[in-house]
Amino acid sequence: MTAAMVTAALEATAAKIKPMDASPFRKGDAVVYPAHGVGRVERVGTEEIAGHRLDLILISFTDNQMTLRVPAAQARAAGLRKLASREDMAGALAKLTGRPKASRLMWAKRAQEYLAKINTGHPGALAEVVRDLQSADDGSGSSFSQRHLFELALDRLAGEIAVINQTTKSDAIDLLNRTLADARTDRAAEPTQSSVSV
């Protein structure tokens, strides 16, 4: 990598005065960064790096004790967003009650699709992954990689629910597991109800 390449990359993200494009992120805001989940904005400001001034958003993630600096100009492109509204989260929870979608694709291709959905960080996409990868009541039918993707999506969704509802993440996980269990129970009762009504 040459010095010209570094300079060009830094200039592409360098602080530019844009009076109409004020950053929607403020210190103390809870935000979602798709690849890492829910974090808190520690600082929004200009830093000098390698002789270039950059507008950066400093985000801390307490779950994995990580700090991330995101160029403000690239924040939206990187997927950084504020927490979902209660209505959006209610829609995501409604997706959990649906029937899991079966796919005939090879697992490697499905795993890539699930990971892409997880990395969007969108509550609806996370809920779809949780719904589709839930294991049977007896725990059978889950491979290690399936269980890993399920737990990753569940953790990201629970993290956002916990902050929105101002509860602990374990309470949010319990809520999600109860919702999944209730949906399985309701689906199991459907044939019985239809045969009785006939």
C-alpha atoms as a PDB file:
ATOM      1  CA  MET A   1       0.000   0.000   0.000  1.00  0.00           C
ATOM      2  CA  THR A   2       1.479   3.306  -1.060  1.00  0.00           C
ATOM      3  CA  ALA A   3       1.290   6.647   0.735  1.00  0.00           C
ATOM      4  CA  ALA A   4      -0.932   7.960  -2.088  1.00  0.00           C
ATOM      5  CA  MET A   5      -3.411   5.114  -1.508  1.00  0.00           C
ATOM      6  CA  VAL A   6      -3.545   5.858   2.230  1.00  0.00           C
ATOM      7  CA  THR A   7      -4.037   9.575   1.571  1.00  0.00           C
ATOM      8  CA  ALA A   8      -6.808   8.874  -0.960  1.00  0.00           C
ATOM      9  CA  ALA A   9      -8.595   6.558   1.478  1.00  0.00           C
ATOM     10  CA  LEU A  10      -8.366   9.082   4.302  1.00  0.00           C
ATOM     11  CA  GLU A  11      -9.553  11.934   2.088  1.00  0.00           C
ATOM     12  CA  ALA A  12     -12.584   9.882   1.074  1.00  0.00           C
ATOM     13  CA  THR A  13     -13.662   9.725   4.719  1.00  0.00           C
ATOM     14  CA  ALA A  14     -12.117  13.004   5.887  1.00  0.00           C
ATOM     15  CA  ALA A  15     -14.206  15.539   7.741  1.00  0.00           C
ATOM     16  CA  LYS A  16     -16.098  17.729   5.320  1.00  0.00           C
ATOM     17  CA  ILE A  17     -18.195  20.691   6.321  1.00  0.00           C
ATOM     18  CA  LYS A  18     -21.785  19.772   5.528  1.00  0.00           C
ATOM     19  CA  PRO A  19     -24.126  22.133   7.315  1.00  0.00           C
ATOM     20  CA  MET A  20     -27.218  20.289   6.082  1.00  0.00           C
ATOM     21  CA  ASP A  21     -25.884  16.840   7.081  1.00  0.00           C
ATOM     22  CA  ALA A  22     -25.722  16.957  10.866  1.00  0.00           C
ATOM     23  CA  SER A  23     -24.982  13.627  12.540  1.00  0.00           C
ATOM     24  CA  PRO A  24     -28.125  12.065  14.021  1.00  0.00           C
ATOM     25  CA  PHE A  25     -26.007  10.321  16.650  1.00  0.00           C
ATOM     26  CA  ARG A  26     -25.286  12.001  19.969  1.00  0.00           C
ATOM     27  CA  LYS A  27     -23.252  11.082  23.019  1.00  0.00           C
ATOM     28  CA  GLY A  28     -25.171   8.624  25.186  1.00  0.00           C
ATOM     29  CA  ASP A  29     -27.401   7.308  22.365  1.00  0.00           C
ATOM     30  CA  ALA A  30     -27.953   3.564  22.191  1.00  0.00           C
ATOM     31  CA  VAL A  31     -27.203   2.468  18.634  1.00  0.00           C
ATOM     32  CA  VAL A  32     -27.060  -0.759  16.642  1.00  0.00           C
ATOM     33  CA  TYR A  33     -23.981  -1.646  14.625  1.00  0.00           C
ATOM     34  CA  PRO A  34     -24.970  -4.711  12.563  1.00  0.00           C
ATOM     35  CA  ALA A  35     -21.769  -6.695  13.021  1.00  0.00           C
ATOM     36  CA  HIS A  36     -21.591  -6.187  16.799  1.00  0.00           C
ATOM     37  CA  GLY A  37     -25.095  -5.514  18.116  1.00  0.00           C
ATOM     38  CA  VAL A  38     -26.168  -2.791  20.531  1.00  0.00           C
ATOM     39  CA  GLY A  39     -23.637  -0.252  21.729  1.00  0.00           C
ATOM     40  CA  ARG A  40     -23.580   3.215  23.248  1.00  0.00           C
ATOM     41  CA  VAL A  41     -22.164   6.351  21.618  1.00  0.00           C
ATOM     42  CA  GLU A  42     -19.341   7.575  23.847  1.00  0.00           C
ATOM     43  CA  ARG A  43     -18.253  10.525  21.751  1.00  0.00           C
ATOM     44  CA  VAL A  44     -18.905  12.236  18.440  1.00  0.00           C
ATOM     45  CA  GLY A  45     -16.137  14.521  17.286  1.00  0.00           C
ATOM     46  CA  THR A  46     -13.112  15.213  15.177  1.00  0.00           C
ATOM     47  CA  GLU A  47      -9.820  13.371  15.623  1.00  0.00           C
ATOM     48  CA  GLU A  48      -6.562  13.758  13.807  1.00  0.00           C
ATOM     49  CA  ILE A  49      -5.238  10.498  12.391  1.00  0.00           C
ATOM     50  CA  ALA A  50      -2.078  10.378  10.271  1.00  0.00           C
ATOM     51  CA  GLY A  51      -2.298  14.102   9.647  1.00  0.00           C
ATOM     52  CA  HIS A  52      -5.926  14.006   8.527  1.00  0.00           C
ATOM     53  CA  ARG A  53      -8.904  15.290  10.479  1.00  0.00           C
ATOM     54  CA  LEU A  54     -11.778  12.812  10.608  1.00  0.00           C
ATOM     55  CA  ASP A  55     -15.257  13.127  12.079  1.00  0.00           C
ATOM     56  CA  LEU A  56     -15.633   9.930  14.113  1.00  0.00           C
ATOM     57  CA  ILE A  57     -18.324   8.294  16.189  1.00  0.00           C
ATOM     58  CA  LEU A  58     -16.858   6.374  19.141  1.00  0.00           C
ATOM     59  CA  ILE A  59     -19.086   3.454  20.178  1.00  0.00           C
ATOM     60  CA  SER A  60     -18.557   1.136  23.144  1.00  0.00           C
ATOM     61  CA  PHE A  61     -20.019  -2.362  23.388  1.00  0.00           C
ATOM     62  CA  THR A  62     -20.276  -3.584  26.970  1.00  0.00           C
ATOM     63  CA  ASP A  63     -21.072  -7.213  26.048  1.00  0.00           C
ATOM     64  CA  ASN A  64     -17.721  -7.843  24.396  1.00  0.00           C
ATOM     65  CA  GLN A  65     -15.779  -4.936  25.981  1.00  0.00           C
ATOM     66  CA  MET A  66     -14.979  -3.408  22.613  1.00  0.00           C
ATOM     67  CA  THR A  67     -14.691   0.161  21.372  1.00  0.00           C
ATOM     68  CA  LEU A  68     -15.294   1.022  17.738  1.00  0.00           C
ATOM     69  CA  ARG A  69     -14.523   4.211  15.796  1.00  0.00           C
ATOM     70  CA  VAL A  70     -16.769   4.751  12.787  1.00  0.00           C
ATOM     71  CA  PRO A  71     -16.213   7.648  10.374  1.00  0.00           C
ATOM     72  CA  ALA A  72     -19.357   9.806  10.577  1.00  0.00           C
ATOM     73  CA  ALA A  73     -19.463  10.061   6.777  1.00  0.00           C
ATOM     74  CA  GLN A  74     -19.577   6.260   6.535  1.00  0.00           C
ATOM     75  CA  ALA A  75     -21.894   5.545   9.485  1.00  0.00           C
ATOM     76  CA  ARG A  76     -25.054   5.008   7.455  1.00  0.00           C
ATOM     77  CA  ALA A  77     -23.251   2.964   4.803  1.00  0.00           C
ATOM     78  CA  ALA A  78     -21.823   0.760   7.567  1.00  0.00           C
ATOM     79  CA  GLY A  79     -25.361   0.143   8.834  1.00  0.00           C
ATOM     80  CA  LEU A  80     -25.131   2.143  12.062  1.00  0.00           C
ATOM     81  CA  ARG A  81     -28.647   3.047  13.181  1.00  0.00           C
ATOM     82  CA  LYS A  82     -30.660   4.116  16.183  1.00  0.00           C
ATOM     83  CA  LEU A  83     -32.724   1.530  18.058  1.00  0.00           C
ATOM     84  CA  ALA A  84     -35.841   0.199  16.376  1.00  0.00           C
ATOM     85  CA  SER A  85     -39.165   1.675  17.413  1.00  0.00           C
ATOM     86  CA  ARG A  86     -41.510  -0.345  19.623  1.00  0.00           C
ATOM     87  CA  GLU A  87     -43.772  -0.842  16.590  1.00  0.00           C
ATOM     88  CA  ASP A  88     -40.895  -2.244  14.492  1.00  0.00           C
ATOM     89  CA  MET A  89     -39.931  -4.549  17.350  1.00  0.00           C
ATOM     90  CA  ALA A  90     -43.544  -5.716  17.742  1.00  0.00           C
ATOM     91  CA  GLY A  91     -43.522  -6.567  14.029  1.00  0.00           C
ATOM     92  CA  ALA A  92     -40.305  -8.531  14.476  1.00  0.00           C
ATOM     93  CA  LEU A  93     -41.787 -10.443  17.421  1.00  0.00           C
ATOM     94  CA  ALA A  94     -44.858 -11.223  15.299  1.00  0.00           C
ATOM     95  CA  LYS A  95     -42.556 -12.896  12.762  1.00  0.00           C
ATOM     96  CA  LEU A  96     -41.420 -15.293  15.494  1.00  0.00           C
ATOM     97  CA  THR A  97     -44.929 -16.721  15.745  1.00  0.00           C
ATOM     98  CA  GLY A  98     -45.030 -17.707  12.079  1.00  0.00           C
ATOM     99  CA  ARG A  99     -44.226 -21.127  10.697  1.00  0.00           C
ATOM    100  CA  PRO A 100     -40.494 -21.738  10.126  1.00  0.00           C
ATOM    101  CA  LYS A 101     -39.692 -21.589   6.415  1.00  0.00           C
ATOM    102  CA  ALA A 102     -38.208 -24.742   4.979  1.00  0.00           C
ATOM    103  CA  SER A 103     -35.613 -24.512   2.242  1.00  0.00           C
ATOM    104  CA  ARG A 104     -34.232 -27.157  -0.067  1.00  0.00           C
ATOM    105  CA  LEU A 105     -30.940 -25.357  -0.585  1.00  0.00           C
ATOM    106  CA  MET A 106     -27.735 -26.950   0.629  1.00  0.00           C
ATOM    107  CA  TRP A 107     -26.859 -25.996   4.202  1.00  0.00           C
ATOM    108  CA  ALA A 108     -23.758 -24.031   3.157  1.00  0.00           C
ATOM    109  CA  LYS A 109     -25.858 -21.745   0.939  1.00  0.00           C
ATOM    110  CA  ARG A 110     -28.591 -21.368   3.575  1.00  0.00           C
ATOM    111  CA  ALA A 111     -25.976 -20.598   6.240  1.00  0.00           C
ATOM    112  CA  GLN A 112     -24.609 -17.789   4.065  1.00  0.00           C
ATOM    113  CA  GLU A 113     -28.111 -16.371   3.630  1.00  0.00           C
ATOM    114  CA  TYR A 114     -28.791 -16.556   7.374  1.00  0.00           C
ATOM    115  CA  LEU A 115     -25.472 -14.876   8.172  1.00  0.00           C
ATOM    116  CA  ALA A 116     -26.231 -12.106   5.670  1.00  0.00           C
ATOM    117  CA  LYS A 117     -29.583 -11.534   7.414  1.00  0.00           C
ATOM    118  CA  ILE A 118     -27.886 -11.455  10.822  1.00  0.00           C
ATOM    119  CA  ASN A 119     -25.323  -8.937   9.572  1.00  0.00           C
ATOM    120  CA  THR A 120     -28.056  -6.542   8.442  1.00  0.00           C
ATOM    121  CA  GLY A 121     -28.899  -6.064  12.123  1.00  0.00           C
ATOM    122  CA  HIS A 122     -32.543  -5.464  11.191  1.00  0.00           C
ATOM    123  CA  PRO A 123     -34.933  -6.830  13.865  1.00  0.00           C
ATOM    124  CA  GLY A 124     -37.248  -8.398  11.267  1.00  0.00           C
ATOM    125  CA  ALA A 125     -34.379 -10.248   9.578  1.00  0.00           C
ATOM    126  CA  LEU A 126     -33.028 -11.412  12.949  1.00  0.00           C
ATOM    127  CA  ALA A 127     -36.494 -12.665  13.935  1.00  0.00           C
ATOM    128  CA  GLU A 128     -36.737 -14.643  10.682  1.00  0.00           C
ATOM    129  CA  VAL A 129     -33.405 -16.353  11.405  1.00  0.00           C
ATOM    130  CA  VAL A 130     -34.454 -17.164  14.984  1.00  0.00           C
ATOM    131  CA  ARG A 131     -37.808 -18.516  13.782  1.00  0.00           C
ATOM    132  CA  ASP A 132     -36.340 -20.614  10.959  1.00  0.00           C
ATOM    133  CA  LEU A 133     -33.423 -22.071  12.944  1.00  0.00           C
ATOM    134  CA  GLN A 134     -35.222 -22.900  16.193  1.00  0.00           C
ATOM    135  CA  SER A 135     -34.699 -26.505  17.190  1.00  0.00           C
ATOM    136  CA  ALA A 136     -37.416 -28.987  18.004  1.00  0.00           C
ATOM    137  CA  ASP A 137     -38.747 -29.145  21.564  1.00  0.00           C
ATOM    138  CA  ASP A 138     -36.504 -32.113  22.298  1.00  0.00           C
ATOM    139  CA  GLY A 139     -33.407 -30.339  20.929  1.00  0.00           C
ATOM    140  CA  SER A 140     -33.017 -32.718  18.000  1.00  0.00           C
ATOM    141  CA  GLY A 141     -32.304 -31.617  14.472  1.00  0.00           C
ATOM    142  CA  SER A 142     -29.751 -28.891  15.171  1.00  0.00           C
ATOM    143  CA  SER A 143     -26.225 -29.040  13.876  1.00  0.00           C
ATOM    144  CA  PHE A 144     -23.479 -27.087  15.588  1.00  0.00           C
ATOM    145  CA  SER A 145     -23.423 -24.389  12.885  1.00  0.00           C
ATOM    146  CA  GLN A 146     -27.228 -24.120  12.902  1.00  0.00           C
ATOM    147  CA  ARG A 147     -27.250 -23.703  16.672  1.00  0.00           C
ATOM    148  CA  HIS A 148     -24.443 -21.116  16.441  1.00  0.00           C
ATOM    149  CA  LEU A 149     -26.354 -18.981  13.911  1.00  0.00           C
ATOM    150  CA  PHE A 150     -29.550 -19.331  15.956  1.00  0.00           C
ATOM    151  CA  GLU A 151     -27.799 -18.176  19.140  1.00  0.00           C
ATOM    152  CA  LEU A 152     -26.077 -15.289  17.335  1.00  0.00           C
ATOM    153  CA  ALA A 153     -29.392 -13.995  15.936  1.00  0.00           C
ATOM    154  CA  LEU A 154     -31.154 -14.566  19.273  1.00  0.00           C
ATOM    155  CA  ASP A 155     -28.423 -12.667  21.133  1.00  0.00           C
ATOM    156  CA  ARG A 156     -28.522  -9.678  18.747  1.00  0.00           C
ATOM    157  CA  LEU A 157     -32.330  -9.500  18.839  1.00  0.00           C
ATOM    158  CA  ALA A 158     -32.427  -9.881  22.630  1.00  0.00           C
ATOM    159  CA  GLY A 159     -29.810  -7.149  23.056  1.00  0.00           C
ATOM    160  CA  GLU A 160     -31.976  -4.629  21.239  1.00  0.00           C
ATOM    161  CA  ILE A 161     -35.172  -5.735  22.999  1.00  0.00           C
ATOM    162  CA  ALA A 162     -33.443  -5.421  26.374  1.00  0.00           C
ATOM    163  CA  VAL A 163     -32.420  -1.820  25.727  1.00  0.00           C
ATOM    164  CA  ILE A 164     -35.825  -0.855  24.295  1.00  0.00           C
ATOM    165  CA  ASN A 165     -37.729  -2.457  27.203  1.00  0.00           C
ATOM    166  CA  GLN A 166     -35.091  -1.419  29.774  1.00  0.00           C
ATOM    167  CA  THR A 167     -34.643  -4.987  31.026  1.00  0.00           C
ATOM    168  CA  THR A 168     -31.737  -7.411  31.162  1.00  0.00           C
ATOM    169  CA  LYS A 169     -30.649  -9.410  28.164  1.00  0.00           C
ATOM    170  CA  SER A 170     -31.506 -12.664  29.967  1.00  0.00           C
ATOM    171  CA  ASP A 171     -35.093 -11.411  30.463  1.00  0.00           C
ATOM    172  CA  ALA A 172     -35.257 -10.551  26.765  1.00  0.00           C
ATOM    173  CA  ILE A 173     -33.979 -14.029  25.830  1.00  0.00           C
ATOM    174  CA  ASP A 174     -36.631 -15.566  28.109  1.00  0.00           C
ATOM    175  CA  LEU A 175     -39.291 -13.461  26.333  1.00  0.00           C
ATOM    176  CA  LEU A 176     -38.103 -14.661  22.920  1.00  0.00           C
ATOM    177  CA  ASN A 177     -37.953 -18.307  24.019  1.00  0.00           C
ATOM    178  CA  ARG A 178     -41.471 -18.083  25.500  1.00  0.00           C
ATOM    179  CA  THR A 179     -42.751 -16.528  22.263  1.00  0.00           C
ATOM    180  CA  LEU A 180     -41.192 -19.360  20.236  1.00  0.00           C
ATOM    181  CA  ALA A 181     -42.577 -22.015  22.617  1.00  0.00           C
ATOM    182  CA  ASP A 182     -46.083 -20.491  22.553  1.00  0.00           C
ATOM    183  CA  ALA A 183     -46.011 -20.392  18.748  1.00  0.00           C
ATOM    184  CA  ARG A 184     -44.973 -24.080  18.598  1.00  0.00           C
ATOM    185  CA  THR A 185     -47.792 -24.971  20.994  1.00  0.00           C
ATOM    186  CA  ASP A 186     -50.313 -23.011  18.921  1.00  0.00           C
ATOM    187  CA  ARG A 187     -49.151 -24.681  15.699  1.00  0.00           C
ATOM    188  CA  ALA A 188     -49.350 -28.124  17.321  1.00  0.00           C
ATOM    189  CA  ALA A 189     -52.944 -27.413  18.398  1.00  0.00           C
ATOM    190  CA  GLU A 190     -54.061 -26.246  14.915  1.00  0.00           C
ATOM    191  CA  PRO A 191     -54.877 -29.691  13.438  1.00  0.00           C
ATOM    192  CA  THR A 192     -56.806 -30.663  16.576  1.00  0.00           C
ATOM    193  CA  GLN A 193     -58.907 -27.509  16.410  1.00  0.00           C
ATOM    194  CA  SER A 194     -59.671 -27.915  12.706  1.00  0.00           C
ATOM    195  CA  SER A 195     -60.724 -31.546  13.155  1.00  0.00           C
ATOM    196  CA  VAL A 196     -63.035 -30.576  16.010  1.00  0.00           C
ATOM    197  CA  SER A 197     -64.686 -27.804  13.997  1.00  0.00           C
ATOM    198  CA  VAL A 198     -65.401 -30.077  11.023  1.00  0.00           C
END
